[in-house]
């Protein structure tokens, strides 16, 4: 009788720990899509300027800045991944060229290198820039 109670208690404890660790796991943050929001430019990062899209990562504050340069009805985005961890994601600007700068706020681990590229959508699908790396 005591063994059954102990086994049930241990099983419940292990299940609870699995749920808690699963929720807090960095792997849960993988592929985290993010919709950019309208914002007034207030960054101290130096953007990469492309004909279709501009963008940069502001290390102090972990903000991803992205700007659609063409009023064509297609969205632009920044794809990123943590070189020192398991997180990946994107910051998608669907607000259009009229909104100017938009941003996504992240909470990166300090001292990590974030690799990122800028992408623009068209009738032919997504095209992307070269990759850059920013230490946060």
N, C-alpha and C. Protein backbone atom coordinates (compact mmCIF):
# COMPACT_ATOMS: atom_id res chain seq x y z
N UNK A 1 0.82 -1.18 0.00
CA UNK A 1 0.00 0.00 0.00
C UNK A 1 0.88 1.26 0.00
N UNK A 2 1.91 1.27 0.83
CA UNK A 2 2.82 2.41 0.91
C UNK A 2 3.56 2.61 -0.41
N UNK A 3 3.94 1.52 -1.06
CA UNK A 3 4.67 1.62 -2.34
C UNK A 3 3.78 2.25 -3.40
N UNK A 4 2.49 1.91 -3.41
CA UNK A 4 1.57 2.49 -4.39
C UNK A 4 1.44 4.00 -4.17
N UNK A 5 1.32 4.41 -2.92
CA UNK A 5 1.22 5.84 -2.63
C UNK A 5 2.49 6.57 -3.02
N UNK A 6 3.63 5.98 -2.71
CA UNK A 6 4.92 6.58 -3.05
C UNK A 6 5.07 6.68 -4.57
N UNK A 7 4.71 5.60 -5.27
CA UNK A 7 4.81 5.61 -6.73
C UNK A 7 3.89 6.67 -7.32
N UNK A 8 2.68 6.80 -6.79
CA UNK A 8 1.75 7.82 -7.28
C UNK A 8 2.29 9.22 -7.02
N UNK A 9 2.88 9.44 -5.85
CA UNK A 9 3.44 10.73 -5.49
C UNK A 9 4.63 11.08 -6.39
N UNK A 10 5.53 10.13 -6.60
CA UNK A 10 6.68 10.35 -7.47
C UNK A 10 6.22 10.62 -8.91
N UNK A 11 5.25 9.86 -9.37
CA UNK A 11 4.73 10.06 -10.72
C UNK A 11 4.12 11.44 -10.89
N UNK A 12 3.35 11.87 -9.91
CA UNK A 12 2.74 13.20 -9.97
C UNK A 12 3.80 14.29 -9.95
N UNK A 13 4.83 14.10 -9.13
CA UNK A 13 5.92 15.07 -9.05
C UNK A 13 6.67 15.16 -10.37
N UNK A 14 6.99 14.02 -10.96
CA UNK A 14 7.70 14.01 -12.25
C UNK A 14 6.85 14.65 -13.34
N UNK A 15 5.56 14.37 -13.36
CA UNK A 15 4.67 14.98 -14.35
C UNK A 15 4.65 16.50 -14.19
N UNK A 16 4.54 16.97 -12.95
CA UNK A 16 4.51 18.41 -12.68
C UNK A 16 5.80 19.08 -13.13
N UNK A 17 6.93 18.44 -12.84
CA UNK A 17 8.23 19.00 -13.24
C UNK A 17 8.35 19.04 -14.76
N UNK A 18 7.86 18.02 -15.44
CA UNK A 18 7.90 17.99 -16.90
C UNK A 18 7.08 19.13 -17.49
N UNK A 19 5.91 19.37 -16.94
CA UNK A 19 5.07 20.46 -17.41
C UNK A 19 5.74 21.80 -17.18
N UNK A 20 6.26 22.04 -15.98
CA UNK A 20 6.90 23.31 -15.67
C UNK A 20 8.14 23.52 -16.52
N UNK A 21 8.99 22.53 -16.64
CA UNK A 21 10.20 22.67 -17.45
C UNK A 21 9.85 22.81 -18.92
N UNK A 22 8.82 22.16 -19.36
CA UNK A 22 8.40 22.28 -20.76
C UNK A 22 7.94 23.68 -21.09
N UNK A 23 7.24 24.32 -20.16
CA UNK A 23 6.76 25.67 -20.38
C UNK A 23 7.92 26.66 -20.38
N UNK A 24 8.88 26.48 -19.52
CA UNK A 24 9.99 27.43 -19.39
C UNK A 24 11.17 27.11 -20.30
N UNK A 25 11.09 26.05 -21.04
CA UNK A 25 12.20 25.60 -21.87
C UNK A 25 12.51 26.58 -22.99
N UNK A 26 13.81 26.85 -23.26
CA UNK A 26 14.16 27.69 -24.39
C UNK A 26 13.67 27.11 -25.71
N UNK A 27 13.54 25.82 -25.80
CA UNK A 27 13.06 25.22 -27.04
C UNK A 27 11.64 25.67 -27.34
N UNK A 28 10.89 26.01 -26.31
CA UNK A 28 9.53 26.48 -26.53
C UNK A 28 9.54 27.83 -27.25
N UNK A 29 10.62 28.57 -27.12
CA UNK A 29 10.71 29.87 -27.78
C UNK A 29 11.12 29.73 -29.23
N UNK A 30 11.54 28.56 -29.66
CA UNK A 30 11.98 28.36 -31.03
C UNK A 30 10.83 28.66 -31.99
N UNK A 31 11.20 29.19 -33.14
CA UNK A 31 10.23 29.52 -34.17
C UNK A 31 9.13 30.43 -33.65
N UNK A 32 9.50 31.43 -32.87
CA UNK A 32 8.50 32.32 -32.31
C UNK A 32 8.20 33.44 -33.30
N UNK A 33 7.09 33.34 -34.02
CA UNK A 33 6.75 34.43 -34.94
C UNK A 33 6.40 35.68 -34.16
N UNK A 34 6.60 36.80 -34.74
CA UNK A 34 6.30 38.05 -34.05
C UNK A 34 5.87 39.08 -35.06
N UNK A 35 4.77 39.72 -34.78
CA UNK A 35 4.23 40.77 -35.62
C UNK A 35 4.82 42.10 -35.19
N UNK A 36 5.42 42.83 -36.12
CA UNK A 36 5.99 44.13 -35.80
C UNK A 36 4.88 45.13 -35.49
N UNK A 37 5.18 46.07 -34.61
CA UNK A 37 4.23 47.11 -34.25
C UNK A 37 4.78 48.47 -34.69
N UNK A 38 3.88 49.39 -34.93
CA UNK A 38 4.23 50.74 -35.35
C UNK A 38 4.98 51.44 -34.22
N UNK A 39 6.04 52.15 -34.56
CA UNK A 39 6.82 52.86 -33.54
C UNK A 39 7.56 54.02 -34.17
N UNK A 40 7.80 55.05 -33.38
CA UNK A 40 8.67 56.13 -33.82
C UNK A 40 10.11 55.66 -33.66
N UNK A 41 10.91 55.88 -34.68
CA UNK A 41 12.31 55.47 -34.67
C UNK A 41 13.00 56.09 -33.46
N UNK A 42 13.56 55.25 -32.61
CA UNK A 42 14.29 55.74 -31.43
C UNK A 42 15.41 54.76 -31.10
N UNK A 43 16.13 54.34 -32.09
CA UNK A 43 17.14 53.32 -31.89
C UNK A 43 18.54 53.90 -32.02
N UNK A 44 19.48 53.22 -31.39
CA UNK A 44 20.88 53.61 -31.56
C UNK A 44 21.63 52.56 -32.37
N UNK A 45 20.91 51.70 -33.10
CA UNK A 45 21.59 50.73 -33.96
C UNK A 45 21.77 51.34 -35.36
N UNK A 46 22.72 50.82 -36.09
CA UNK A 46 22.98 51.29 -37.44
C UNK A 46 22.31 50.34 -38.43
N UNK A 47 21.29 50.82 -39.13
CA UNK A 47 20.53 49.93 -40.02
C UNK A 47 21.33 49.48 -41.24
N UNK A 48 20.93 48.34 -41.74
CA UNK A 48 21.34 47.88 -43.06
C UNK A 48 20.27 48.39 -44.01
N UNK A 49 20.70 49.10 -45.04
CA UNK A 49 19.77 49.71 -45.98
C UNK A 49 19.74 48.90 -47.27
N UNK A 50 18.55 48.45 -47.64
CA UNK A 50 18.34 47.72 -48.89
C UNK A 50 17.21 48.42 -49.66
N UNK A 51 17.12 48.23 -50.96
CA UNK A 51 16.05 48.90 -51.70
C UNK A 51 14.64 48.56 -51.19
N UNK A 52 14.41 47.33 -50.77
CA UNK A 52 13.07 46.90 -50.38
C UNK A 52 12.79 47.05 -48.88
N UNK A 53 13.84 46.94 -48.06
CA UNK A 53 13.65 46.88 -46.60
C UNK A 53 14.92 47.36 -45.89
N UNK A 54 14.73 48.03 -44.77
CA UNK A 54 15.83 48.41 -43.89
C UNK A 54 15.62 47.71 -42.55
N UNK A 55 16.70 47.49 -41.82
CA UNK A 55 16.53 46.87 -40.51
C UNK A 55 17.80 46.82 -39.72
N UNK A 56 17.66 46.61 -38.42
CA UNK A 56 18.80 46.44 -37.52
C UNK A 56 18.32 45.86 -36.20
N UNK A 57 19.28 45.40 -35.42
CA UNK A 57 19.00 44.92 -34.07
C UNK A 57 19.63 45.90 -33.08
N UNK A 58 18.81 46.41 -32.19
CA UNK A 58 19.28 47.29 -31.12
C UNK A 58 19.62 46.42 -29.93
N UNK A 59 20.92 46.25 -29.67
CA UNK A 59 21.36 45.34 -28.61
C UNK A 59 20.86 45.78 -27.24
N UNK A 60 20.89 47.08 -26.96
CA UNK A 60 20.41 47.59 -25.68
C UNK A 60 18.89 47.70 -25.77
N UNK A 61 18.19 46.74 -25.22
CA UNK A 61 16.74 46.72 -25.27
C UNK A 61 16.20 45.57 -26.10
N UNK A 62 17.07 44.93 -26.87
CA UNK A 62 16.68 43.76 -27.66
C UNK A 62 15.52 44.05 -28.60
N UNK A 63 15.58 45.20 -29.28
CA UNK A 63 14.55 45.56 -30.25
C UNK A 63 15.02 45.24 -31.66
N UNK A 64 14.12 44.66 -32.45
CA UNK A 64 14.37 44.38 -33.85
C UNK A 64 13.62 45.43 -34.66
N UNK A 65 14.35 46.26 -35.38
CA UNK A 65 13.74 47.35 -36.15
C UNK A 65 13.67 46.95 -37.61
N UNK A 66 12.53 47.23 -38.24
CA UNK A 66 12.35 46.88 -39.65
C UNK A 66 11.46 47.92 -40.33
N UNK A 67 11.84 48.26 -41.57
CA UNK A 67 11.12 49.31 -42.31
C UNK A 67 10.88 48.84 -43.73
N UNK A 68 9.63 48.88 -44.14
CA UNK A 68 9.22 48.55 -45.50
C UNK A 68 9.46 49.77 -46.37
N UNK A 69 10.24 49.63 -47.44
CA UNK A 69 10.58 50.77 -48.28
C UNK A 69 9.74 50.92 -49.54
N UNK A 70 8.86 49.96 -49.81
CA UNK A 70 8.11 49.99 -51.07
C UNK A 70 6.62 49.76 -50.79
N UNK A 71 5.79 50.65 -51.30
CA UNK A 71 4.33 50.53 -51.13
C UNK A 71 3.79 49.60 -52.22
N UNK A 72 3.98 48.29 -52.02
CA UNK A 72 3.55 47.33 -53.03
C UNK A 72 2.54 46.30 -52.50
N UNK A 73 2.13 46.44 -51.26
CA UNK A 73 1.15 45.52 -50.69
C UNK A 73 1.75 44.24 -50.13
N UNK A 74 3.07 44.07 -50.22
CA UNK A 74 3.73 42.88 -49.69
C UNK A 74 4.44 43.21 -48.38
N UNK A 75 4.56 42.22 -47.52
CA UNK A 75 5.21 42.42 -46.23
C UNK A 75 6.71 42.23 -46.33
N UNK A 76 7.39 42.68 -45.27
CA UNK A 76 8.83 42.49 -45.13
C UNK A 76 9.06 41.86 -43.76
N UNK A 77 10.24 41.27 -43.57
CA UNK A 77 10.51 40.65 -42.28
C UNK A 77 12.00 40.56 -42.02
N UNK A 78 12.31 40.34 -40.74
CA UNK A 78 13.66 40.02 -40.31
C UNK A 78 13.60 38.60 -39.75
N UNK A 79 14.45 37.71 -40.27
CA UNK A 79 14.59 36.36 -39.73
C UNK A 79 15.84 36.36 -38.86
N UNK A 80 15.79 35.65 -37.74
CA UNK A 80 16.93 35.66 -36.83
C UNK A 80 17.06 34.32 -36.12
N UNK A 81 18.26 34.05 -35.67
CA UNK A 81 18.48 32.91 -34.77
C UNK A 81 19.66 33.20 -33.86
N UNK A 82 19.59 32.61 -32.68
CA UNK A 82 20.59 32.80 -31.64
C UNK A 82 21.72 31.80 -31.89
N UNK A 83 22.90 32.30 -32.23
CA UNK A 83 24.05 31.42 -32.50
C UNK A 83 24.52 30.68 -31.25
N UNK A 84 24.20 31.21 -30.08
CA UNK A 84 24.64 30.63 -28.82
C UNK A 84 23.53 29.89 -28.08
N UNK A 85 22.40 29.72 -28.71
CA UNK A 85 21.25 29.08 -28.07
C UNK A 85 20.41 28.34 -29.09
N UNK A 86 19.14 28.14 -28.75
CA UNK A 86 18.25 27.38 -29.63
C UNK A 86 17.11 28.22 -30.18
N UNK A 87 17.02 29.48 -29.82
CA UNK A 87 15.90 30.31 -30.26
C UNK A 87 16.05 30.76 -31.70
N UNK A 88 14.94 30.78 -32.40
CA UNK A 88 14.85 31.34 -33.74
C UNK A 88 13.55 32.10 -33.84
N UNK A 89 13.43 32.94 -34.83
CA UNK A 89 12.17 33.64 -35.00
C UNK A 89 12.22 34.61 -36.15
N UNK A 90 11.18 35.41 -36.22
CA UNK A 90 11.09 36.43 -37.24
C UNK A 90 10.29 37.60 -36.70
N UNK A 91 10.52 38.74 -37.29
CA UNK A 91 9.78 39.95 -36.99
C UNK A 91 9.16 40.39 -38.31
N UNK A 92 7.85 40.28 -38.43
CA UNK A 92 7.17 40.52 -39.70
C UNK A 92 6.45 41.87 -39.66
N UNK A 93 6.72 42.69 -40.65
CA UNK A 93 6.07 43.99 -40.80
C UNK A 93 5.02 43.86 -41.90
N UNK A 94 3.76 43.82 -41.50
CA UNK A 94 2.65 43.78 -42.45
C UNK A 94 1.94 45.13 -42.52
N UNK A 95 2.50 46.15 -41.87
CA UNK A 95 1.87 47.46 -41.79
C UNK A 95 2.10 48.31 -43.03
N UNK A 96 3.07 47.95 -43.85
CA UNK A 96 3.29 48.65 -45.10
C UNK A 96 4.25 49.82 -45.01
N UNK A 97 4.57 50.35 -46.17
CA UNK A 97 5.55 51.41 -46.32
C UNK A 97 5.12 52.70 -45.62
N UNK A 98 3.84 52.96 -45.55
CA UNK A 98 3.35 54.21 -44.96
C UNK A 98 3.65 54.31 -43.46
N UNK A 99 3.86 53.20 -42.79
CA UNK A 99 4.11 53.21 -41.34
C UNK A 99 5.56 53.50 -40.98
N UNK A 100 6.44 53.54 -41.94
CA UNK A 100 7.87 53.77 -41.69
C UNK A 100 8.43 52.68 -40.77
N UNK A 101 9.12 53.06 -39.70
CA UNK A 101 9.77 52.07 -38.84
C UNK A 101 8.77 51.33 -37.95
N UNK A 102 9.02 50.04 -37.83
CA UNK A 102 8.25 49.18 -36.91
C UNK A 102 9.28 48.37 -36.12
N UNK A 103 8.82 47.73 -35.04
CA UNK A 103 9.78 46.93 -34.28
C UNK A 103 9.10 45.77 -33.57
N UNK A 104 9.93 44.80 -33.19
CA UNK A 104 9.53 43.68 -32.34
C UNK A 104 10.48 43.69 -31.15
N UNK A 105 9.95 43.51 -29.97
CA UNK A 105 10.77 43.48 -28.78
C UNK A 105 11.02 42.04 -28.36
N UNK A 106 12.26 41.70 -28.12
CA UNK A 106 12.66 40.36 -27.68
C UNK A 106 13.40 40.47 -26.36
N UNK A 107 13.63 39.34 -25.76
CA UNK A 107 14.42 39.28 -24.53
C UNK A 107 15.53 38.26 -24.77
N UNK A 108 16.58 38.71 -25.44
CA UNK A 108 17.70 37.83 -25.75
C UNK A 108 18.59 37.65 -24.52
N UNK A 109 19.30 36.55 -24.49
CA UNK A 109 20.28 36.31 -23.44
C UNK A 109 21.48 37.22 -23.69
N UNK A 110 21.88 37.98 -22.68
CA UNK A 110 23.00 38.91 -22.82
C UNK A 110 24.27 38.17 -23.22
N UNK A 111 25.04 38.78 -24.11
CA UNK A 111 26.31 38.20 -24.55
C UNK A 111 26.17 37.20 -25.68
N UNK A 112 24.96 36.99 -26.18
CA UNK A 112 24.76 36.06 -27.29
C UNK A 112 24.88 36.78 -28.63
N UNK A 113 25.29 36.04 -29.65
CA UNK A 113 25.35 36.55 -31.01
C UNK A 113 24.05 36.16 -31.72
N UNK A 114 23.39 37.16 -32.29
CA UNK A 114 22.15 36.94 -33.04
C UNK A 114 22.46 37.12 -34.52
N UNK A 115 22.20 36.10 -35.28
CA UNK A 115 22.40 36.15 -36.74
C UNK A 115 21.07 36.51 -37.37
N UNK A 116 21.06 37.44 -38.31
CA UNK A 116 19.81 37.93 -38.88
C UNK A 116 19.96 38.33 -40.33
N UNK A 117 18.81 38.30 -41.01
CA UNK A 117 18.75 38.74 -42.40
C UNK A 117 17.42 39.45 -42.63
N UNK A 118 17.38 40.28 -43.66
CA UNK A 118 16.17 40.99 -44.03
C UNK A 118 15.55 40.32 -45.26
N UNK A 119 14.23 40.22 -45.28
CA UNK A 119 13.52 39.56 -46.37
C UNK A 119 12.35 40.41 -46.84
N UNK A 120 12.02 40.28 -48.10
CA UNK A 120 10.89 40.99 -48.67
C UNK A 120 10.08 40.02 -49.52
N UNK A 121 8.78 40.18 -49.47
CA UNK A 121 7.88 39.29 -50.18
C UNK A 121 7.51 39.92 -51.52
N UNK A 122 7.17 39.09 -52.48
CA UNK A 122 6.74 39.56 -53.79
C UNK A 122 5.84 38.49 -54.41
N UNK A 123 5.41 38.72 -55.60
CA UNK A 123 4.58 37.74 -56.30
C UNK A 123 5.32 36.42 -56.50
N UNK A 124 6.64 36.46 -56.46
CA UNK A 124 7.46 35.26 -56.65
C UNK A 124 7.86 34.59 -55.33
N UNK A 125 7.37 35.10 -54.20
CA UNK A 125 7.75 34.54 -52.90
C UNK A 125 8.76 35.41 -52.19
N UNK A 126 9.39 34.84 -51.16
CA UNK A 126 10.33 35.59 -50.33
C UNK A 126 11.72 35.60 -50.92
N UNK A 127 12.36 36.77 -50.89
CA UNK A 127 13.78 36.93 -51.19
C UNK A 127 14.42 37.49 -49.94
N UNK A 128 15.68 37.10 -49.69
CA UNK A 128 16.35 37.55 -48.47
C UNK A 128 17.76 38.05 -48.76
N UNK A 129 18.23 38.89 -47.87
CA UNK A 129 19.57 39.47 -47.94
C UNK A 129 20.61 38.46 -47.46
N UNK A 130 21.85 38.92 -47.42
CA UNK A 130 22.90 38.18 -46.74
C UNK A 130 22.62 38.20 -45.25
N UNK A 131 23.39 37.42 -44.50
CA UNK A 131 23.25 37.35 -43.05
C UNK A 131 24.22 38.31 -42.39
N UNK A 132 23.79 38.90 -41.27
CA UNK A 132 24.63 39.73 -40.42
C UNK A 132 24.57 39.18 -39.00
N UNK A 133 25.52 39.56 -38.18
CA UNK A 133 25.54 39.11 -36.79
C UNK A 133 25.67 40.31 -35.86
N UNK A 134 24.84 40.31 -34.82
CA UNK A 134 24.87 41.36 -33.81
C UNK A 134 24.98 40.72 -32.43
N UNK A 135 25.91 41.22 -31.61
CA UNK A 135 26.03 40.73 -30.22
C UNK A 135 25.08 41.55 -29.36
N UNK A 136 24.29 40.82 -28.57
CA UNK A 136 23.32 41.50 -27.68
C UNK A 136 23.75 41.38 -26.23
